[in-house]
Amino acid sequence: MNQQNQRSQRDQGTRRRPVRLATFNVLHGRPLPDGEPLSPAANPAEGPLARAVRSLDADVLALQELDRLQERSGGADQASVAADAAGLKHWRYASAIHARCTADRGWIRDPAEPGLRVYGPQDVGSATDVPSHGIALLSRFPVRDWRARRLAPAPLCMPLRMAGRPGLTLVRDQPRAALAAVLEGPGGPFTAVAVHLSFVPGWNIGQLLAVREWIADMPSPHVLLGDFNLVGAVPGVVLNAPRKARTPPSPRGWRDLARIPTYPAHRPIVQFDHVLASGVDVAAASGVRTPATGISDHRPLVLELPL
């Protein structure tokens, strides 16, 4: 009997509490109440980032653009701050880049550090570590297994609109990361994946396809959360494209669980942030919302799904 049938039999005659899923590009916790950036909080543990993630009351939370030991964010381990604030004790942070962010020179990389390193609760307080920037995946449920992957940057720059800057700014793409975890959900194991994809068109599609193949052997259902830098229906179309690898496609395909604008935060008009799932009845998704939090140029995307 396959895993999906086992799950269906367990579900018959029972009603599980839905799992609350959320993804949020937090812009290193920078307050942007009206689209204009304010100074970072002096006390990260009680600051805007902590209050924002606490307000989401998520069971599984994917966070992008987190700082670790950066001067601009008070030297905080923001993944740890978020986990404590949200009450999610099972978490990992993946560094997309080990570098110091400076106001005048941008990112100054540490050549001695690897391109990807995964940190967890056991690493809190490691003051000898160098600053980094990356993503995190936080869970209320126990985790069977963790997996991380680095996504290489596109070899070109793009003009982008940056929070707090007029007009367009030419921005060099940076490495990205993906984090996957096999969680012990209310109805059995499922795989949650956090991603932050490139802003370069086409390159982000290649990254999304690479992530799809990378998690193909992990337990179904699959839930993919993050800032994809892809709009509207595009992520679903990409994920349901024919496979080149020998791994079988999902029996139910990938479906977008919410179609709602998330960017810019003060007046959302486009959707860059997504939650997609395969191997579940996506029609059961409910409670979709994109609350204003006072931080970041993105709004979080929150929804509930029986898992």
C-alpha atoms as a PDB file:
ATOM      1  CA  MET A   1       0.000   0.000   0.000  1.00  0.00           C
ATOM      2  CA  ASN A   2       1.486   3.345  -0.970  1.00  0.00           C
ATOM      3  CA  GLN A   3       1.888   6.295   1.384  1.00  0.00           C
ATOM      4  CA  GLN A   4      -0.971   8.288  -0.160  1.00  0.00           C
ATOM      5  CA  ASN A   5      -3.461   5.418   0.357  1.00  0.00           C
ATOM      6  CA  GLN A   6      -2.279   4.949   3.935  1.00  0.00           C
ATOM      7  CA  ARG A   7      -2.850   8.618   4.589  1.00  0.00           C
ATOM      8  CA  SER A   8      -6.326   8.479   3.035  1.00  0.00           C
ATOM      9  CA  GLN A   9      -7.322   5.522   5.234  1.00  0.00           C
ATOM     10  CA  ARG A  10      -6.078   7.307   8.359  1.00  0.00           C
ATOM     11  CA  ASP A  11      -8.109  10.362   7.405  1.00  0.00           C
ATOM     12  CA  GLN A  12     -11.399   8.500   6.952  1.00  0.00           C
ATOM     13  CA  GLY A  13     -13.792   9.339   9.765  1.00  0.00           C
ATOM     14  CA  THR A  14     -11.379  11.815  11.373  1.00  0.00           C
ATOM     15  CA  ARG A  15     -11.075  15.589  11.216  1.00  0.00           C
ATOM     16  CA  ARG A  16      -7.593  16.962  11.691  1.00  0.00           C
ATOM     17  CA  ARG A  17      -6.728  20.481  12.693  1.00  0.00           C
ATOM     18  CA  PRO A  18      -5.468  22.190   9.547  1.00  0.00           C
ATOM     19  CA  VAL A  19      -1.795  23.097   9.403  1.00  0.00           C
ATOM     20  CA  ARG A  20      -1.214  26.835   9.167  1.00  0.00           C
ATOM     21  CA  LEU A  21       1.435  27.539   6.535  1.00  0.00           C
ATOM     22  CA  ALA A  22       3.141  30.872   5.968  1.00  0.00           C
ATOM     23  CA  THR A  23       5.898  32.357   3.858  1.00  0.00           C
ATOM     24  CA  PHE A  24       7.394  35.800   4.401  1.00  0.00           C
ATOM     25  CA  ASN A  25      10.247  37.728   2.801  1.00  0.00           C
ATOM     26  CA  VAL A  26      11.126  39.837   5.856  1.00  0.00           C
ATOM     27  CA  LEU A  27      13.742  42.201   4.318  1.00  0.00           C
ATOM     28  CA  HIS A  28      15.974  41.578   7.385  1.00  0.00           C
ATOM     29  CA  GLY A  29      13.168  42.860   9.618  1.00  0.00           C
ATOM     30  CA  ARG A  30      13.354  46.398   8.254  1.00  0.00           C
ATOM     31  CA  PRO A  31      10.286  48.461   9.150  1.00  0.00           C
ATOM     32  CA  LEU A  32       8.497  49.946   6.114  1.00  0.00           C
ATOM     33  CA  PRO A  33       5.145  51.101   7.479  1.00  0.00           C
ATOM     34  CA  ASP A  34       4.362  53.355   4.498  1.00  0.00           C
ATOM     35  CA  GLY A  35       6.796  52.010   1.921  1.00  0.00           C
ATOM     36  CA  GLU A  36       9.714  54.038   3.337  1.00  0.00           C
ATOM     37  CA  PRO A  37      12.396  52.288   5.430  1.00  0.00           C
ATOM     38  CA  LEU A  38      12.950  53.104   9.101  1.00  0.00           C
ATOM     39  CA  SER A  39      15.943  52.321  11.315  1.00  0.00           C
ATOM     40  CA  PRO A  40      16.230  48.728  12.607  1.00  0.00           C
ATOM     41  CA  ALA A  41      15.084  47.877  16.117  1.00  0.00           C
ATOM     42  CA  ALA A  42      17.507  48.355  19.007  1.00  0.00           C
ATOM     43  CA  ASN A  43      16.241  45.189  20.739  1.00  0.00           C
ATOM     44  CA  PRO A  44      15.702  42.448  18.116  1.00  0.00           C
ATOM     45  CA  ALA A  45      13.971  40.065  20.544  1.00  0.00           C
ATOM     46  CA  GLU A  46      11.161  42.587  21.099  1.00  0.00           C
ATOM     47  CA  GLY A  47      11.414  44.384  17.773  1.00  0.00           C
ATOM     48  CA  PRO A  48       9.275  44.528  14.632  1.00  0.00           C
ATOM     49  CA  LEU A  49      10.522  41.203  13.220  1.00  0.00           C
ATOM     50  CA  ALA A  50       9.612  39.311  16.387  1.00  0.00           C
ATOM     51  CA  ARG A  51       6.193  40.933  16.558  1.00  0.00           C
ATOM     52  CA  ALA A  52       5.516  40.288  12.870  1.00  0.00           C
ATOM     53  CA  VAL A  53       6.286  36.553  12.895  1.00  0.00           C
ATOM     54  CA  ARG A  54       4.457  36.083  16.206  1.00  0.00           C
ATOM     55  CA  SER A  55       1.334  37.613  14.706  1.00  0.00           C
ATOM     56  CA  LEU A  56       1.224  34.977  11.946  1.00  0.00           C
ATOM     57  CA  ASP A  57       0.724  32.107  14.442  1.00  0.00           C
ATOM     58  CA  ALA A  58       2.080  29.655  11.850  1.00  0.00           C
ATOM     59  CA  ASP A  59       2.782  25.948  12.297  1.00  0.00           C
ATOM     60  CA  VAL A  60       5.234  25.915   9.373  1.00  0.00           C
ATOM     61  CA  LEU A  61       6.968  29.160   8.440  1.00  0.00           C
ATOM     62  CA  ALA A  62       9.365  29.882   5.573  1.00  0.00           C
ATOM     63  CA  LEU A  63      11.377  33.108   5.905  1.00  0.00           C
ATOM     64  CA  GLN A  64      13.534  34.816   3.301  1.00  0.00           C
ATOM     65  CA  GLU A  65      16.117  37.636   3.489  1.00  0.00           C
ATOM     66  CA  LEU A  66      17.165  36.925   7.063  1.00  0.00           C
ATOM     67  CA  ASP A  67      20.369  38.308   8.565  1.00  0.00           C
ATOM     68  CA  ARG A  68      22.733  36.515  10.886  1.00  0.00           C
ATOM     69  CA  LEU A  69      25.198  38.662  12.851  1.00  0.00           C
ATOM     70  CA  GLN A  70      24.827  41.648  10.519  1.00  0.00           C
ATOM     71  CA  GLU A  71      25.512  45.108  11.942  1.00  0.00           C
ATOM     72  CA  ARG A  72      22.529  46.593  10.091  1.00  0.00           C
ATOM     73  CA  SER A  73      20.150  44.322  12.067  1.00  0.00           C
ATOM     74  CA  GLY A  74      21.770  44.729  15.464  1.00  0.00           C
ATOM     75  CA  GLY A  75      24.006  41.674  15.179  1.00  0.00           C
ATOM     76  CA  ALA A  76      21.019  39.402  15.764  1.00  0.00           C
ATOM     77  CA  ASP A  77      20.602  35.790  14.740  1.00  0.00           C
ATOM     78  CA  GLN A  78      17.278  36.579  13.114  1.00  0.00           C
ATOM     79  CA  ALA A  79      16.271  32.959  12.501  1.00  0.00           C
ATOM     80  CA  SER A  80      16.626  32.293  16.229  1.00  0.00           C
ATOM     81  CA  VAL A  81      14.750  35.503  17.080  1.00  0.00           C
ATOM     82  CA  ALA A  82      11.911  34.487  14.763  1.00  0.00           C
ATOM     83  CA  ALA A  83      11.770  30.923  16.086  1.00  0.00           C
ATOM     84  CA  ASP A  84      11.590  32.098  19.694  1.00  0.00           C
ATOM     85  CA  ALA A  85       8.955  34.716  18.915  1.00  0.00           C
ATOM     86  CA  ALA A  86       6.782  32.261  16.959  1.00  0.00           C
ATOM     87  CA  GLY A  87       7.247  29.381  19.411  1.00  0.00           C
ATOM     88  CA  LEU A  88       8.597  27.111  16.669  1.00  0.00           C
ATOM     89  CA  LYS A  89      11.423  25.069  18.187  1.00  0.00           C
ATOM     90  CA  HIS A  90      12.303  22.963  15.133  1.00  0.00           C
ATOM     91  CA  TRP A  91      14.218  25.165  12.694  1.00  0.00           C
ATOM     92  CA  ARG A  92      17.182  25.578  10.409  1.00  0.00           C
ATOM     93  CA  TYR A  93      18.762  28.593   8.744  1.00  0.00           C
ATOM     94  CA  ALA A  94      20.689  28.248   5.473  1.00  0.00           C
ATOM     95  CA  SER A  95      23.224  30.917   4.557  1.00  0.00           C
ATOM     96  CA  ALA A  96      22.951  31.886   0.910  1.00  0.00           C
ATOM     97  CA  ILE A  97      25.969  34.163   1.278  1.00  0.00           C
ATOM     98  CA  HIS A  98      28.605  34.718   3.991  1.00  0.00           C
ATOM     99  CA  ALA A  99      29.355  38.431   3.783  1.00  0.00           C
ATOM    100  CA  ARG A 100      29.015  41.750   5.569  1.00  0.00           C
ATOM    101  CA  CYS A 101      26.456  44.175   4.222  1.00  0.00           C
ATOM    102  CA  THR A 102      27.835  47.709   4.073  1.00  0.00           C
ATOM    103  CA  ALA A 103      26.083  50.959   3.174  1.00  0.00           C
ATOM    104  CA  ASP A 104      28.774  52.153   0.757  1.00  0.00           C
ATOM    105  CA  ARG A 105      30.252  48.965  -0.735  1.00  0.00           C
ATOM    106  CA  GLY A 106      27.366  46.518  -0.663  1.00  0.00           C
ATOM    107  CA  TRP A 107      28.207  42.921   0.191  1.00  0.00           C
ATOM    108  CA  ILE A 108      31.809  42.207   1.245  1.00  0.00           C
ATOM    109  CA  ARG A 109      32.260  38.446   1.083  1.00  0.00           C
ATOM    110  CA  ASP A 110      34.348  36.316   3.382  1.00  0.00           C
ATOM    111  CA  PRO A 111      36.451  34.154   1.026  1.00  0.00           C
ATOM    112  CA  ALA A 112      37.198  31.664   3.818  1.00  0.00           C
ATOM    113  CA  GLU A 113      33.556  30.671   4.232  1.00  0.00           C
ATOM    114  CA  PRO A 114      31.679  28.070   2.164  1.00  0.00           C
ATOM    115  CA  GLY A 115      28.868  29.046  -0.149  1.00  0.00           C
ATOM    116  CA  LEU A 116      26.301  27.253   1.991  1.00  0.00           C
ATOM    117  CA  ARG A 117      26.167  26.446   5.679  1.00  0.00           C
ATOM    118  CA  VAL A 118      23.174  25.277   7.713  1.00  0.00           C
ATOM    119  CA  TYR A 119      22.682  26.586  11.247  1.00  0.00           C
ATOM    120  CA  GLY A 120      20.225  25.450  13.916  1.00  0.00           C
ATOM    121  CA  PRO A 121      19.367  25.917  17.590  1.00  0.00           C
ATOM    122  CA  GLN A 122      22.702  24.398  18.580  1.00  0.00           C
ATOM    123  CA  ASP A 123      24.528  27.281  16.864  1.00  0.00           C
ATOM    124  CA  VAL A 124      22.809  30.136  18.709  1.00  0.00           C
ATOM    125  CA  GLY A 125      25.384  32.326  20.406  1.00  0.00           C
ATOM    126  CA  SER A 126      28.311  31.289  18.201  1.00  0.00           C
ATOM    127  CA  ALA A 127      29.813  34.772  18.193  1.00  0.00           C
ATOM    128  CA  THR A 128      32.901  33.636  16.275  1.00  0.00           C
ATOM    129  CA  ASP A 129      30.844  32.985  13.152  1.00  0.00           C
ATOM    130  CA  VAL A 130      30.999  35.487  10.302  1.00  0.00           C
ATOM    131  CA  PRO A 131      27.921  37.459   9.209  1.00  0.00           C
ATOM    132  CA  SER A 132      25.618  35.907   6.627  1.00  0.00           C
ATOM    133  CA  HIS A 133      22.296  36.306   4.848  1.00  0.00           C
ATOM    134  CA  GLY A 134      19.837  33.586   3.910  1.00  0.00           C
ATOM    135  CA  ILE A 135      16.562  31.750   4.517  1.00  0.00           C
ATOM    136  CA  ALA A 136      14.978  29.699   7.277  1.00  0.00           C
ATOM    137  CA  LEU A 137      12.346  27.021   7.723  1.00  0.00           C
ATOM    138  CA  LEU A 138      10.608  26.814  11.098  1.00  0.00           C
ATOM    139  CA  SER A 139       8.197  24.116  12.287  1.00  0.00           C
ATOM    140  CA  ARG A 140       5.932  23.333  15.197  1.00  0.00           C
ATOM    141  CA  PHE A 141       6.127  19.658  14.236  1.00  0.00           C
ATOM    142  CA  PRO A 142       9.080  17.322  14.816  1.00  0.00           C
ATOM    143  CA  VAL A 143      11.444  16.955  11.876  1.00  0.00           C
ATOM    144  CA  ARG A 144      12.609  13.575  10.592  1.00  0.00           C
ATOM    145  CA  ASP A 145      15.191  14.876   8.170  1.00  0.00           C
ATOM    146  CA  TRP A 146      16.715  18.136   6.886  1.00  0.00           C
ATOM    147  CA  ARG A 147      18.143  18.862   3.463  1.00  0.00           C
ATOM    148  CA  ALA A 148      19.739  22.047   2.062  1.00  0.00           C
ATOM    149  CA  ARG A 149      20.910  23.174  -1.343  1.00  0.00           C
ATOM    150  CA  ARG A 150      22.705  26.220  -2.733  1.00  0.00           C
ATOM    151  CA  LEU A 151      21.315  27.841  -5.890  1.00  0.00           C
ATOM    152  CA  ALA A 152      23.931  29.607  -8.004  1.00  0.00           C
ATOM    153  CA  PRO A 153      23.384  33.274  -8.964  1.00  0.00           C
ATOM    154  CA  ALA A 154      22.657  34.439 -12.472  1.00  0.00           C
ATOM    155  CA  PRO A 155      25.767  35.820 -14.237  1.00  0.00           C
ATOM    156  CA  LEU A 156      24.257  39.259 -14.872  1.00  0.00           C
ATOM    157  CA  CYS A 157      22.748  42.330 -13.204  1.00  0.00           C
ATOM    158  CA  MET A 158      19.166  43.584 -13.356  1.00  0.00           C
ATOM    159  CA  PRO A 159      17.629  47.035 -12.806  1.00  0.00           C
ATOM    160  CA  LEU A 160      15.275  46.766  -9.829  1.00  0.00           C
ATOM    161  CA  ARG A 161      13.158  49.037  -7.704  1.00  0.00           C
ATOM    162  CA  MET A 162      14.674  49.012  -4.194  1.00  0.00           C
ATOM    163  CA  ALA A 163      12.867  49.952  -1.004  1.00  0.00           C
ATOM    164  CA  GLY A 164      13.789  53.471   0.031  1.00  0.00           C
ATOM    165  CA  ARG A 165      15.590  54.340  -3.229  1.00  0.00           C
ATOM    166  CA  PRO A 166      14.144  56.417  -6.075  1.00  0.00           C
ATOM    167  CA  GLY A 167      13.965  54.973  -9.578  1.00  0.00           C
ATOM    168  CA  LEU A 168      15.764  51.768 -10.557  1.00  0.00           C
ATOM    169  CA  THR A 169      19.009  50.383  -9.131  1.00  0.00           C
ATOM    170  CA  LEU A 170      21.304  48.033 -11.037  1.00  0.00           C
ATOM    171  CA  VAL A 171      21.609  44.967  -8.795  1.00  0.00           C
ATOM    172  CA  ARG A 172      23.910  41.965  -9.119  1.00  0.00           C
ATOM    173  CA  ASP A 173      22.241  38.629  -8.448  1.00  0.00           C
ATOM    174  CA  GLN A 174      23.329  36.748  -5.314  1.00  0.00           C
ATOM    175  CA  PRO A 175      23.449  33.046  -4.470  1.00  0.00           C
ATOM    176  CA  ARG A 176      20.195  31.610  -3.174  1.00  0.00           C
ATOM    177  CA  ALA A 177      19.299  28.651  -0.984  1.00  0.00           C
ATOM    178  CA  ALA A 178      16.616  26.020  -0.565  1.00  0.00           C
ATOM    179  CA  LEU A 179      15.760  24.197   2.675  1.00  0.00           C
ATOM    180  CA  ALA A 180      13.643  21.046   2.864  1.00  0.00           C
ATOM    181  CA  ALA A 181      12.357  19.132   5.892  1.00  0.00           C
ATOM    182  CA  VAL A 182      10.360  15.946   6.379  1.00  0.00           C
ATOM    183  CA  LEU A 183       7.833  16.868   9.086  1.00  0.00           C
ATOM    184  CA  GLU A 184       5.679  14.683  11.325  1.00  0.00           C
ATOM    185  CA  GLY A 185       2.350  16.316  10.564  1.00  0.00           C
ATOM    186  CA  PRO A 186      -1.063  15.582  12.124  1.00  0.00           C
ATOM    187  CA  GLY A 187      -1.858  13.084   9.352  1.00  0.00           C
ATOM    188  CA  GLY A 188       1.621  11.634   8.888  1.00  0.00           C
ATOM    189  CA  PRO A 189       4.873  12.759   7.283  1.00  0.00           C
ATOM    190  CA  PHE A 190       5.013  15.453   4.632  1.00  0.00           C
ATOM    191  CA  THR A 191       7.789  17.494   3.054  1.00  0.00           C
ATOM    192  CA  ALA A 192       7.993  21.267   3.441  1.00  0.00           C
ATOM    193  CA  VAL A 193      10.417  23.250   1.299  1.00  0.00           C
ATOM    194  CA  ALA A 194      11.483  26.898   1.702  1.00  0.00           C
ATOM    195  CA  VAL A 195      12.997  28.744  -1.259  1.00  0.00           C
ATOM    196  CA  HIS A 196      14.065  32.195  -2.360  1.00  0.00           C
ATOM    197  CA  LEU A 197      14.607  32.287  -6.110  1.00  0.00           C
ATOM    198  CA  SER A 198      16.558  34.693  -8.295  1.00  0.00           C
ATOM    199  CA  PHE A 199      14.991  37.906  -9.578  1.00  0.00           C
ATOM    200  CA  VAL A 200      16.487  37.253 -13.042  1.00  0.00           C
ATOM    201  CA  PRO A 201      13.766  36.054 -15.471  1.00  0.00           C
ATOM    202  CA  GLY A 202      14.412  32.571 -16.813  1.00  0.00           C
ATOM    203  CA  TRP A 203      17.134  31.873 -14.270  1.00  0.00           C
ATOM    204  CA  ASN A 204      14.522  31.599 -11.512  1.00  0.00           C
ATOM    205  CA  ILE A 205      12.558  29.127 -13.628  1.00  0.00           C
ATOM    206  CA  GLY A 206      15.644  26.933 -13.915  1.00  0.00           C
ATOM    207  CA  GLN A 207      16.107  27.109 -10.156  1.00  0.00           C
ATOM    208  CA  LEU A 208      12.491  26.112  -9.548  1.00  0.00           C
ATOM    209  CA  LEU A 209      12.830  23.089 -11.832  1.00  0.00           C
ATOM    210  CA  ALA A 210      16.055  22.115 -10.059  1.00  0.00           C
ATOM    211  CA  VAL A 211      14.277  22.253  -6.693  1.00  0.00           C
ATOM    212  CA  ARG A 212      11.445  20.104  -8.066  1.00  0.00           C
ATOM    213  CA  GLU A 213      13.897  17.363  -9.043  1.00  0.00           C
ATOM    214  CA  TRP A 214      15.882  17.751  -5.815  1.00  0.00           C
ATOM    215  CA  ILE A 215      12.869  16.917  -3.608  1.00  0.00           C
ATOM    216  CA  ALA A 216      11.306  14.277  -5.870  1.00  0.00           C
ATOM    217  CA  ASP A 217      12.486  11.390  -3.661  1.00  0.00           C
ATOM    218  CA  MET A 218      11.233  12.962  -0.414  1.00  0.00           C
ATOM    219  CA  PRO A 219       7.953  11.844   1.203  1.00  0.00           C
ATOM    220  CA  SER A 220       4.719  13.156  -0.303  1.00  0.00           C
ATOM    221  CA  PRO A 221       2.738  15.382   0.133  1.00  0.00           C
ATOM    222  CA  HIS A 222       5.079  18.211  -0.851  1.00  0.00           C
ATOM    223  CA  VAL A 223       4.523  21.846   0.132  1.00  0.00           C
ATOM    224  CA  LEU A 224       6.708  24.516  -1.465  1.00  0.00           C
ATOM    225  CA  LEU A 225       6.817  27.961   0.153  1.00  0.00           C
ATOM    226  CA  GLY A 226       8.771  31.097  -0.632  1.00  0.00           C
ATOM    227  CA  ASP A 227       9.531  34.198  -2.612  1.00  0.00           C
ATOM    228  CA  PHE A 228       9.764  32.852  -6.155  1.00  0.00           C
ATOM    229  CA  ASN A 229      10.169  36.205  -7.929  1.00  0.00           C
ATOM    230  CA  LEU A 230       7.641  34.742 -10.365  1.00  0.00           C
ATOM    231  CA  VAL A 231       4.184  36.205 -10.785  1.00  0.00           C
ATOM    232  CA  GLY A 232       0.686  34.764 -10.776  1.00  0.00           C
ATOM    233  CA  ALA A 233       0.207  31.329 -12.299  1.00  0.00           C
ATOM    234  CA  VAL A 234       3.796  30.969 -13.565  1.00  0.00           C
ATOM    235  CA  PRO A 235       5.145  28.752 -10.712  1.00  0.00           C
ATOM    236  CA  GLY A 236       2.382  26.189 -11.168  1.00  0.00           C
ATOM    237  CA  VAL A 237       2.922  26.062 -14.915  1.00  0.00           C
ATOM    238  CA  VAL A 238       6.662  25.557 -14.419  1.00  0.00           C
ATOM    239  CA  LEU A 239       6.294  22.838 -11.776  1.00  0.00           C
ATOM    240  CA  ASN A 240       3.841  20.883 -13.938  1.00  0.00           C
ATOM    241  CA  ALA A 241       6.105  20.960 -16.990  1.00  0.00           C
ATOM    242  CA  PRO A 242       7.257  17.539 -18.304  1.00  0.00           C
ATOM    243  CA  ARG A 243      10.188  16.024 -16.451  1.00  0.00           C
ATOM    244  CA  LYS A 244      13.511  15.153 -18.006  1.00  0.00           C
ATOM    245  CA  ALA A 245      14.550  12.978 -15.081  1.00  0.00           C
ATOM    246  CA  ARG A 246      13.277   9.473 -14.455  1.00  0.00           C
ATOM    247  CA  THR A 247      11.478  10.443 -11.263  1.00  0.00           C
ATOM    248  CA  PRO A 248       7.702   9.981 -11.639  1.00  0.00           C
ATOM    249  CA  PRO A 249       5.446  13.050 -11.622  1.00  0.00           C
ATOM    250  CA  SER A 250       3.211  13.804  -8.658  1.00  0.00           C
ATOM    251  CA  PRO A 251      -0.080  11.867  -9.002  1.00  0.00           C
ATOM    252  CA  ARG A 252      -2.069  15.077  -8.454  1.00  0.00           C
ATOM    253  CA  GLY A 253       0.302  17.620  -9.929  1.00  0.00           C
ATOM    254  CA  TRP A 254       1.328  20.925  -8.383  1.00  0.00           C
ATOM    255  CA  ARG A 255      -1.329  23.489  -7.502  1.00  0.00           C
ATOM    256  CA  ASP A 256      -1.089  27.063  -6.279  1.00  0.00           C
ATOM    257  CA  LEU A 257      -2.941  27.312  -2.961  1.00  0.00           C
ATOM    258  CA  ALA A 258      -3.486  31.070  -3.138  1.00  0.00           C
ATOM    259  CA  ARG A 259      -3.638  33.680  -5.890  1.00  0.00           C
ATOM    260  CA  ILE A 260      -3.340  37.019  -4.107  1.00  0.00           C
ATOM    261  CA  PRO A 261      -0.975  40.012  -4.431  1.00  0.00           C
ATOM    262  CA  THR A 262       1.853  40.256  -1.883  1.00  0.00           C
ATOM    263  CA  TYR A 263       4.074  43.062  -3.243  1.00  0.00           C
ATOM    264  CA  PRO A 264       4.687  45.905  -2.517  1.00  0.00           C
ATOM    265  CA  ALA A 265       3.575  45.637   1.094  1.00  0.00           C
ATOM    266  CA  HIS A 266       2.031  49.104   1.380  1.00  0.00           C
ATOM    267  CA  ARG A 267      -0.077  48.594  -1.769  1.00  0.00           C
ATOM    268  CA  PRO A 268       0.088  44.995  -3.095  1.00  0.00           C
ATOM    269  CA  ILE A 269      -0.426  44.642  -6.847  1.00  0.00           C
ATOM    270  CA  VAL A 270       1.599  41.527  -7.821  1.00  0.00           C
ATOM    271  CA  GLN A 271       2.237  38.116  -6.296  1.00  0.00           C
ATOM    272  CA  PHE A 272       5.867  37.071  -5.879  1.00  0.00           C
ATOM    273  CA  ASP A 273       5.237  34.918  -2.788  1.00  0.00           C
ATOM    274  CA  HIS A 274       3.619  31.523  -3.177  1.00  0.00           C
ATOM    275  CA  VAL A 275       2.557  28.322  -1.430  1.00  0.00           C
ATOM    276  CA  LEU A 276       2.167  25.358  -3.788  1.00  0.00           C
ATOM    277  CA  ALA A 277       1.426  21.747  -2.956  1.00  0.00           C
ATOM    278  CA  SER A 278       1.307  18.340  -4.594  1.00  0.00           C
ATOM    279  CA  GLY A 279      -0.167  15.071  -3.361  1.00  0.00           C
ATOM    280  CA  VAL A 280      -3.013  16.673  -1.395  1.00  0.00           C
ATOM    281  CA  ASP A 281      -6.511  17.977  -2.004  1.00  0.00           C
ATOM    282  CA  VAL A 282      -5.623  21.611  -2.572  1.00  0.00           C
ATOM    283  CA  ALA A 283      -9.320  22.530  -2.643  1.00  0.00           C
ATOM    284  CA  ALA A 284      -9.238  22.083   1.135  1.00  0.00           C
ATOM    285  CA  ALA A 285      -6.960  25.117   1.544  1.00  0.00           C
ATOM    286  CA  SER A 286      -8.617  27.890   3.536  1.00  0.00           C
ATOM    287  CA  GLY A 287      -7.992  31.020   5.538  1.00  0.00           C
ATOM    288  CA  VAL A 288      -5.856  32.761   2.904  1.00  0.00           C
ATOM    289  CA  ARG A 289      -4.612  36.150   4.054  1.00  0.00           C
ATOM    290  CA  THR A 290      -1.795  38.630   3.498  1.00  0.00           C
ATOM    291  CA  PRO A 291      -1.724  40.727   6.673  1.00  0.00           C
ATOM    292  CA  ALA A 292       0.119  44.026   6.973  1.00  0.00           C
ATOM    293  CA  THR A 293       2.957  43.652   9.496  1.00  0.00           C
ATOM    294  CA  GLY A 294       4.845  46.952   9.343  1.00  0.00           C
ATOM    295  CA  ILE A 295       8.074  45.343   8.134  1.00  0.00           C
ATOM    296  CA  SER A 296       9.472  44.453   4.711  1.00  0.00           C
ATOM    297  CA  ASP A 297       8.435  45.386   1.192  1.00  0.00           C
ATOM    298  CA  HIS A 298       6.557  42.067   0.949  1.00  0.00           C
ATOM    299  CA  ARG A 299       3.474  40.905   2.799  1.00  0.00           C
ATOM    300  CA  PRO A 300       3.403  37.417   4.292  1.00  0.00           C
ATOM    301  CA  LEU A 301       1.172  34.818   2.684  1.00  0.00           C
ATOM    302  CA  VAL A 302      -0.724  32.711   5.243  1.00  0.00           C
ATOM    303  CA  LEU A 303      -3.161  29.853   4.697  1.00  0.00           C
ATOM    304  CA  GLU A 304      -4.385  26.591   6.229  1.00  0.00           C
ATOM    305  CA  LEU A 305      -4.281  23.108   4.734  1.00  0.00           C
ATOM    306  CA  PRO A 306      -5.092  19.664   6.189  1.00  0.00           C
ATOM    307  CA  LEU A 307      -1.864  17.632   6.163  1.00  0.00           C
END
